[in-house]
Amino acid sequence: MNGAEELNDRFYTGFILMLCGVCVFFALFVLVAIFGKKIKVKWNKVIFFGLLALSVCATALFAVRFSRYCLDFGTVRKGDYRTMTGTVTGYGKAISFENGSVGFYVPRIRDAETGEIMELHVSGTETGEEYTFLYLPHTKLAVIRTE
């Protein structure tokens, strides 16, 4: 699989997951709003308002992330990916595993042309190494270009 196909796969997987998330939480919001009017018991109202607040917040969070995918949708359809060559200077996030090891992800990359530092969602990088990336401007999804 070449870099463009891999980036397409990652994009469409995230796009579908975000779309499902928005739909599920919006449906929960609608159901809670419809059935919430029939609640008479005090504790049930507390649960109702808790579910309502949860569904509104979750829908808003998914909608914000989903909007980034919508902005990149045209780029993916046209195959008009951005390319950047840069050096990995560090990582934006770290995760600790049960065995005590630490994994890093969301590398910070210094653009070779402009000197600008950008965080991309890509795996398989090492600090200090230079790579050429295909990436999407809004979601920051990227793959290492191997061609």
N, C-alpha and C. Protein backbone atom coordinates (compact mmCIF):
# COMPACT_ATOMS: atom_id res chain seq x y z
N MET A 1 0.85 -1.17 0.00
CA MET A 1 0.00 0.00 0.00
C MET A 1 0.90 1.24 0.00
N ASN A 2 0.65 2.17 -0.93
CA ASN A 2 1.47 3.37 -0.97
C ASN A 2 0.96 4.40 0.04
N GLY A 3 1.69 5.50 0.19
CA GLY A 3 1.37 6.49 1.20
C GLY A 3 -0.01 7.11 1.03
N ALA A 4 -0.39 7.40 -0.21
CA ALA A 4 -1.70 8.03 -0.46
C ALA A 4 -2.84 7.08 -0.08
N GLU A 5 -2.71 5.81 -0.41
CA GLU A 5 -3.75 4.84 -0.05
C GLU A 5 -3.86 4.67 1.46
N GLU A 6 -2.72 4.63 2.14
CA GLU A 6 -2.73 4.51 3.59
C GLU A 6 -3.37 5.73 4.24
N LEU A 7 -3.06 6.91 3.72
CA LEU A 7 -3.65 8.14 4.25
C LEU A 7 -5.15 8.16 4.00
N ASN A 8 -5.57 7.70 2.82
CA ASN A 8 -7.01 7.59 2.53
C ASN A 8 -7.69 6.66 3.53
N ASP A 9 -7.09 5.50 3.77
CA ASP A 9 -7.67 4.54 4.71
C ASP A 9 -7.81 5.13 6.11
N ARG A 10 -6.76 5.79 6.58
CA ARG A 10 -6.81 6.41 7.91
C ARG A 10 -7.87 7.50 7.96
N PHE A 11 -7.96 8.29 6.89
CA PHE A 11 -8.94 9.37 6.86
C PHE A 11 -10.36 8.82 6.91
N TYR A 12 -10.68 7.87 6.01
CA TYR A 12 -12.04 7.36 5.95
C TYR A 12 -12.43 6.59 7.21
N THR A 13 -11.49 5.91 7.84
CA THR A 13 -11.78 5.24 9.11
C THR A 13 -12.17 6.26 10.16
N GLY A 14 -11.38 7.31 10.30
CA GLY A 14 -11.70 8.36 11.27
C GLY A 14 -12.98 9.08 10.93
N PHE A 15 -13.21 9.35 9.64
CA PHE A 15 -14.42 10.03 9.19
C PHE A 15 -15.66 9.24 9.57
N ILE A 16 -15.64 7.94 9.32
CA ILE A 16 -16.80 7.10 9.63
C ILE A 16 -17.01 7.00 11.14
N LEU A 17 -15.93 6.85 11.90
CA LEU A 17 -16.07 6.79 13.36
C LEU A 17 -16.62 8.10 13.93
N MET A 18 -16.15 9.23 13.44
CA MET A 18 -16.66 10.52 13.91
C MET A 18 -18.13 10.70 13.53
N LEU A 19 -18.49 10.30 12.31
CA LEU A 19 -19.88 10.40 11.87
C LEU A 19 -20.78 9.54 12.74
N CYS A 20 -20.34 8.32 13.04
CA CYS A 20 -21.12 7.44 13.92
C CYS A 20 -21.25 8.04 15.32
N GLY A 21 -20.17 8.59 15.84
CA GLY A 21 -20.21 9.21 17.16
C GLY A 21 -21.18 10.37 17.22
N VAL A 22 -21.16 11.23 16.22
CA VAL A 22 -22.09 12.35 16.19
C VAL A 22 -23.52 11.83 16.14
N CYS A 23 -23.78 10.85 15.29
CA CYS A 23 -25.14 10.30 15.15
C CYS A 23 -25.63 9.65 16.44
N VAL A 24 -24.78 8.85 17.08
CA VAL A 24 -25.18 8.15 18.31
C VAL A 24 -25.52 9.14 19.41
N PHE A 25 -24.65 10.11 19.64
CA PHE A 25 -24.91 11.05 20.72
C PHE A 25 -26.04 12.02 20.40
N PHE A 26 -26.21 12.36 19.12
CA PHE A 26 -27.36 13.19 18.76
C PHE A 26 -28.65 12.40 18.95
N ALA A 27 -28.65 11.13 18.59
CA ALA A 27 -29.84 10.29 18.80
C ALA A 27 -30.14 10.15 20.29
N LEU A 28 -29.11 9.99 21.11
CA LEU A 28 -29.30 9.95 22.56
C LEU A 28 -29.92 11.25 23.06
N PHE A 29 -29.43 12.37 22.57
CA PHE A 29 -29.98 13.67 22.94
C PHE A 29 -31.46 13.75 22.58
N VAL A 30 -31.82 13.34 21.36
CA VAL A 30 -33.22 13.40 20.93
C VAL A 30 -34.09 12.48 21.77
N LEU A 31 -33.64 11.25 22.02
CA LEU A 31 -34.42 10.31 22.83
C LEU A 31 -34.61 10.81 24.25
N VAL A 32 -33.56 11.34 24.84
CA VAL A 32 -33.66 11.86 26.20
C VAL A 32 -34.62 13.06 26.23
N ALA A 33 -34.54 13.91 25.22
CA ALA A 33 -35.42 15.07 25.17
C ALA A 33 -36.88 14.66 25.00
N ILE A 34 -37.14 13.64 24.19
CA ILE A 34 -38.53 13.19 23.96
C ILE A 34 -39.09 12.52 25.20
N PHE A 35 -38.34 11.57 25.76
CA PHE A 35 -38.85 10.81 26.90
C PHE A 35 -38.69 11.55 28.23
N GLY A 36 -37.90 12.58 28.27
CA GLY A 36 -37.69 13.34 29.50
C GLY A 36 -38.91 14.09 29.97
N LYS A 37 -39.81 14.41 29.06
CA LYS A 37 -41.03 15.16 29.41
C LYS A 37 -41.99 14.30 30.23
N LYS A 38 -41.85 12.99 30.17
CA LYS A 38 -42.77 12.08 30.86
C LYS A 38 -42.30 11.73 32.27
N ILE A 39 -41.15 12.24 32.69
CA ILE A 39 -40.58 11.88 33.99
C ILE A 39 -41.26 12.68 35.09
N LYS A 40 -41.68 11.98 36.15
CA LYS A 40 -42.36 12.62 37.28
C LYS A 40 -41.56 12.52 38.58
N VAL A 41 -40.70 11.52 38.72
CA VAL A 41 -39.96 11.28 39.96
C VAL A 41 -38.69 12.14 39.97
N LYS A 42 -38.34 12.69 41.15
CA LYS A 42 -37.22 13.61 41.27
C LYS A 42 -35.89 12.98 40.83
N TRP A 43 -35.57 11.76 41.28
CA TRP A 43 -34.30 11.14 40.91
C TRP A 43 -34.22 10.86 39.42
N ASN A 44 -35.33 10.53 38.84
CA ASN A 44 -35.33 10.30 37.40
C ASN A 44 -35.01 11.58 36.64
N LYS A 45 -35.43 12.72 37.21
CA LYS A 45 -35.12 14.00 36.55
C LYS A 45 -33.62 14.29 36.65
N VAL A 46 -33.00 13.93 37.76
CA VAL A 46 -31.55 14.12 37.89
C VAL A 46 -30.83 13.27 36.84
N ILE A 47 -31.25 12.03 36.69
CA ILE A 47 -30.66 11.16 35.66
C ILE A 47 -30.92 11.73 34.28
N PHE A 48 -32.13 12.23 34.06
CA PHE A 48 -32.49 12.81 32.77
C PHE A 48 -31.57 13.98 32.42
N PHE A 49 -31.41 14.92 33.35
CA PHE A 49 -30.58 16.08 33.07
C PHE A 49 -29.09 15.70 32.94
N GLY A 50 -28.66 14.68 33.67
CA GLY A 50 -27.30 14.19 33.52
C GLY A 50 -27.06 13.62 32.14
N LEU A 51 -28.00 12.78 31.68
CA LEU A 51 -27.89 12.22 30.33
C LEU A 51 -27.99 13.30 29.27
N LEU A 52 -28.84 14.27 29.50
CA LEU A 52 -29.00 15.37 28.55
C LEU A 52 -27.70 16.16 28.43
N ALA A 53 -27.09 16.49 29.57
CA ALA A 53 -25.83 17.23 29.57
C ALA A 53 -24.72 16.41 28.91
N LEU A 54 -24.66 15.11 29.23
CA LEU A 54 -23.66 14.23 28.62
C LEU A 54 -23.83 14.18 27.11
N SER A 55 -25.05 14.02 26.64
CA SER A 55 -25.27 13.90 25.20
C SER A 55 -24.98 15.21 24.48
N VAL A 56 -25.30 16.34 25.09
CA VAL A 56 -25.01 17.63 24.46
C VAL A 56 -23.49 17.84 24.37
N CYS A 57 -22.77 17.59 25.46
CA CYS A 57 -21.31 17.77 25.46
C CYS A 57 -20.63 16.82 24.48
N ALA A 58 -21.03 15.55 24.50
CA ALA A 58 -20.42 14.57 23.60
C ALA A 58 -20.71 14.91 22.14
N THR A 59 -21.94 15.33 21.84
CA THR A 59 -22.28 15.71 20.47
C THR A 59 -21.44 16.89 20.03
N ALA A 60 -21.27 17.87 20.90
CA ALA A 60 -20.47 19.05 20.56
C ALA A 60 -19.01 18.66 20.31
N LEU A 61 -18.44 17.81 21.17
CA LEU A 61 -17.04 17.39 20.98
C LEU A 61 -16.85 16.61 19.68
N PHE A 62 -17.77 15.68 19.42
CA PHE A 62 -17.67 14.91 18.18
C PHE A 62 -17.87 15.83 16.98
N ALA A 63 -18.77 16.80 17.08
CA ALA A 63 -19.03 17.71 15.96
C ALA A 63 -17.81 18.56 15.64
N VAL A 64 -17.10 19.02 16.66
CA VAL A 64 -15.89 19.82 16.43
C VAL A 64 -14.85 18.98 15.71
N ARG A 65 -14.61 17.77 16.19
CA ARG A 65 -13.62 16.90 15.53
C ARG A 65 -14.09 16.49 14.14
N PHE A 66 -15.39 16.23 14.00
CA PHE A 66 -15.94 15.83 12.70
C PHE A 66 -15.80 16.96 11.69
N SER A 67 -15.92 18.22 12.15
CA SER A 67 -15.80 19.35 11.22
C SER A 67 -14.42 19.39 10.57
N ARG A 68 -13.38 18.96 11.30
CA ARG A 68 -12.03 18.91 10.71
C ARG A 68 -11.98 17.88 9.57
N TYR A 69 -12.66 16.77 9.78
CA TYR A 69 -12.73 15.76 8.73
C TYR A 69 -13.49 16.29 7.52
N CYS A 70 -14.54 17.04 7.76
CA CYS A 70 -15.31 17.63 6.65
C CYS A 70 -14.46 18.61 5.86
N LEU A 71 -13.65 19.40 6.55
CA LEU A 71 -12.77 20.35 5.86
C LEU A 71 -11.73 19.63 5.00
N ASP A 72 -11.27 18.47 5.43
CA ASP A 72 -10.29 17.70 4.65
C ASP A 72 -10.91 16.78 3.61
N PHE A 73 -12.22 16.65 3.62
CA PHE A 73 -12.89 15.72 2.71
C PHE A 73 -12.57 16.03 1.24
N GLY A 74 -12.64 17.29 0.87
CA GLY A 74 -12.35 17.69 -0.52
C GLY A 74 -10.91 17.39 -0.90
N THR A 75 -9.99 17.60 0.02
CA THR A 75 -8.58 17.32 -0.24
C THR A 75 -8.38 15.84 -0.54
N VAL A 76 -9.04 14.98 0.22
CA VAL A 76 -8.91 13.54 0.02
C VAL A 76 -9.55 13.13 -1.30
N ARG A 77 -10.72 13.68 -1.58
CA ARG A 77 -11.41 13.32 -2.83
C ARG A 77 -10.57 13.68 -4.07
N LYS A 78 -9.88 14.83 -4.01
CA LYS A 78 -9.05 15.27 -5.13
C LYS A 78 -7.68 14.61 -5.12
N GLY A 79 -7.28 14.04 -3.99
CA GLY A 79 -5.94 13.48 -3.87
C GLY A 79 -4.88 14.56 -3.78
N ASP A 80 -5.28 15.74 -3.34
CA ASP A 80 -4.41 16.92 -3.29
C ASP A 80 -3.78 17.07 -1.90
N TYR A 81 -2.97 16.08 -1.50
CA TYR A 81 -2.37 16.08 -0.18
C TYR A 81 -1.23 17.09 -0.12
N ARG A 82 -0.95 17.54 1.07
CA ARG A 82 0.20 18.43 1.26
C ARG A 82 1.43 17.57 1.54
N THR A 83 2.56 18.08 1.13
CA THR A 83 3.83 17.38 1.35
C THR A 83 4.73 18.29 2.17
N MET A 84 5.44 17.68 3.10
CA MET A 84 6.39 18.43 3.92
C MET A 84 7.59 17.54 4.21
N THR A 85 8.75 18.12 4.10
CA THR A 85 9.98 17.44 4.51
C THR A 85 10.45 18.15 5.77
N GLY A 86 10.72 17.36 6.80
CA GLY A 86 11.14 17.97 8.05
C GLY A 86 11.81 16.98 8.97
N THR A 87 12.36 17.52 10.05
CA THR A 87 13.08 16.74 11.05
C THR A 87 12.24 16.64 12.31
N VAL A 88 12.14 15.44 12.87
CA VAL A 88 11.40 15.22 14.11
C VAL A 88 12.24 15.80 15.25
N THR A 89 11.65 16.78 15.98
CA THR A 89 12.37 17.44 17.07
C THR A 89 11.94 16.96 18.45
N GLY A 90 10.82 16.27 18.52
CA GLY A 90 10.30 15.78 19.79
C GLY A 90 8.90 15.24 19.59
N TYR A 91 8.22 15.01 20.70
CA TYR A 91 6.88 14.43 20.62
C TYR A 91 5.92 15.22 21.50
N GLY A 92 4.69 15.33 21.04
CA GLY A 92 3.68 16.08 21.77
C GLY A 92 3.02 15.30 22.87
N LYS A 93 2.98 13.99 22.78
CA LYS A 93 2.30 13.16 23.77
C LYS A 93 3.12 11.91 24.06
N ALA A 94 2.98 11.43 25.28
CA ALA A 94 3.66 10.19 25.69
C ALA A 94 2.65 9.32 26.43
N ILE A 95 2.87 8.02 26.37
CA ILE A 95 2.00 7.07 27.05
C ILE A 95 2.88 6.04 27.77
N SER A 96 2.51 5.72 28.99
CA SER A 96 3.24 4.72 29.77
C SER A 96 2.53 3.38 29.66
N PHE A 97 3.32 2.32 29.50
CA PHE A 97 2.77 0.98 29.40
C PHE A 97 2.95 0.26 30.74
N GLU A 98 2.24 -0.85 30.92
CA GLU A 98 2.30 -1.62 32.16
C GLU A 98 3.70 -2.15 32.47
N ASN A 99 4.46 -2.46 31.44
CA ASN A 99 5.81 -3.00 31.65
C ASN A 99 6.83 -1.92 31.99
N GLY A 100 6.39 -0.66 32.09
CA GLY A 100 7.28 0.44 32.47
C GLY A 100 7.86 1.21 31.31
N SER A 101 7.68 0.71 30.10
CA SER A 101 8.21 1.44 28.94
C SER A 101 7.30 2.62 28.59
N VAL A 102 7.86 3.55 27.88
CA VAL A 102 7.14 4.75 27.48
C VAL A 102 7.11 4.83 25.96
N GLY A 103 5.95 5.12 25.41
CA GLY A 103 5.81 5.29 23.98
C GLY A 103 5.48 6.74 23.67
N PHE A 104 5.99 7.24 22.58
CA PHE A 104 5.74 8.62 22.19
C PHE A 104 4.95 8.66 20.89
N TYR A 105 4.09 9.64 20.77
CA TYR A 105 3.35 9.82 19.54
C TYR A 105 3.03 11.29 19.33
N VAL A 106 2.48 11.63 18.20
CA VAL A 106 2.25 12.99 17.73
C VAL A 106 3.59 13.74 17.69
N PRO A 107 4.45 13.36 16.73
CA PRO A 107 5.76 14.00 16.66
C PRO A 107 5.68 15.47 16.26
N ARG A 108 6.60 16.25 16.83
CA ARG A 108 6.77 17.65 16.43
C ARG A 108 7.83 17.66 15.33
N ILE A 109 7.47 18.26 14.20
CA ILE A 109 8.34 18.23 13.04
C ILE A 109 8.68 19.65 12.61
N ARG A 110 9.97 19.91 12.45
CA ARG A 110 10.42 21.22 11.97
C ARG A 110 10.52 21.15 10.45
N ASP A 111 9.73 21.99 9.77
CA ASP A 111 9.72 22.04 8.31
C ASP A 111 11.08 22.50 7.80
N ALA A 112 11.65 21.77 6.85
CA ALA A 112 12.98 22.09 6.32
C ALA A 112 12.98 23.40 5.54
N GLU A 113 11.86 23.77 4.93
CA GLU A 113 11.80 24.99 4.13
C GLU A 113 11.54 26.24 4.97
N THR A 114 10.54 26.17 5.85
CA THR A 114 10.11 27.37 6.57
C THR A 114 10.63 27.44 8.00
N GLY A 115 11.02 26.31 8.56
CA GLY A 115 11.45 26.27 9.95
C GLY A 115 10.29 26.19 10.94
N GLU A 116 9.07 26.19 10.43
CA GLU A 116 7.86 26.11 11.26
C GLU A 116 7.77 24.72 11.89
N ILE A 117 7.30 24.66 13.14
CA ILE A 117 7.12 23.38 13.82
C ILE A 117 5.64 23.01 13.78
N MET A 118 5.37 21.77 13.38
CA MET A 118 4.01 21.28 13.25
C MET A 118 3.91 19.91 13.89
N GLU A 119 2.77 19.64 14.55
CA GLU A 119 2.52 18.30 15.09
C GLU A 119 1.63 17.54 14.11
N LEU A 120 2.05 16.33 13.76
CA LEU A 120 1.29 15.49 12.85
C LEU A 120 0.95 14.17 13.53
N HIS A 121 -0.15 13.57 13.14
CA HIS A 121 -0.57 12.27 13.65
C HIS A 121 -0.01 11.21 12.71
N VAL A 122 1.19 10.74 13.03
CA VAL A 122 1.89 9.77 12.20
C VAL A 122 2.70 8.86 13.11
N SER A 123 2.94 7.64 12.66
CA SER A 123 3.74 6.71 13.46
C SER A 123 4.98 6.30 12.69
N GLY A 124 5.93 5.70 13.42
CA GLY A 124 7.14 5.19 12.80
C GLY A 124 8.25 6.21 12.66
N THR A 125 8.26 7.24 13.50
CA THR A 125 9.30 8.26 13.42
C THR A 125 10.28 8.14 14.58
N GLU A 126 11.46 8.69 14.39
CA GLU A 126 12.47 8.74 15.44
C GLU A 126 12.99 10.17 15.55
N THR A 127 13.28 10.59 16.76
CA THR A 127 13.78 11.93 17.01
C THR A 127 15.10 12.15 16.27
N GLY A 128 15.20 13.31 15.62
CA GLY A 128 16.42 13.68 14.91
C GLY A 128 16.47 13.21 13.47
N GLU A 129 15.56 12.38 13.06
CA GLU A 129 15.55 11.86 11.69
C GLU A 129 14.71 12.79 10.79
N GLU A 130 15.09 12.84 9.51
CA GLU A 130 14.34 13.65 8.54
C GLU A 130 13.46 12.74 7.69
N TYR A 131 12.22 13.17 7.50
CA TYR A 131 11.24 12.40 6.73
C TYR A 131 10.51 13.34 5.79
N THR A 132 9.91 12.76 4.76
CA THR A 132 8.97 13.47 3.91
C THR A 132 7.59 12.90 4.19
N PHE A 133 6.64 13.79 4.49
CA PHE A 133 5.30 13.39 4.90
C PHE A 133 4.26 13.83 3.87
N LEU A 134 3.25 12.99 3.69
CA LEU A 134 2.00 13.39 3.05
C LEU A 134 1.04 13.64 4.21
N TYR A 135 0.36 14.78 4.22
CA TYR A 135 -0.53 15.05 5.34
C TYR A 135 -1.76 15.83 4.90
N LEU A 136 -2.75 15.83 5.77
CA LEU A 136 -3.98 16.59 5.56
C LEU A 136 -3.94 17.81 6.47
N PRO A 137 -4.28 18.98 5.96
CA PRO A 137 -4.06 20.22 6.70
C PRO A 137 -4.92 20.42 7.95
N HIS A 138 -6.12 19.90 8.00
CA HIS A 138 -7.01 20.18 9.13
C HIS A 138 -6.99 19.10 10.20
N THR A 139 -7.00 17.84 9.78
CA THR A 139 -6.97 16.75 10.76
C THR A 139 -5.55 16.44 11.20
N LYS A 140 -4.56 16.87 10.44
CA LYS A 140 -3.14 16.62 10.70
C LYS A 140 -2.79 15.13 10.63
N LEU A 141 -3.61 14.35 9.95
CA LEU A 141 -3.28 12.95 9.68
C LEU A 141 -2.14 12.92 8.68
N ALA A 142 -1.19 12.03 8.88
CA ALA A 142 -0.03 12.00 7.98
C ALA A 142 0.51 10.59 7.85
N VAL A 143 1.25 10.38 6.77
CA VAL A 143 2.01 9.15 6.56
C VAL A 143 3.39 9.54 6.04
N ILE A 144 4.35 8.68 6.28
CA ILE A 144 5.70 8.92 5.77
C ILE A 144 5.72 8.53 4.30
N ARG A 145 6.16 9.44 3.49
CA ARG A 145 6.22 9.19 2.04
C ARG A 145 7.41 8.30 1.74
N THR A 146 7.15 7.18 1.08
CA THR A 146 8.22 6.21 0.82
C THR A 146 8.68 6.23 -0.63
N GLU A 147 8.01 6.97 -1.46
CA GLU A 147 8.34 6.97 -2.91
C GLU A 147 9.47 7.90 -3.21
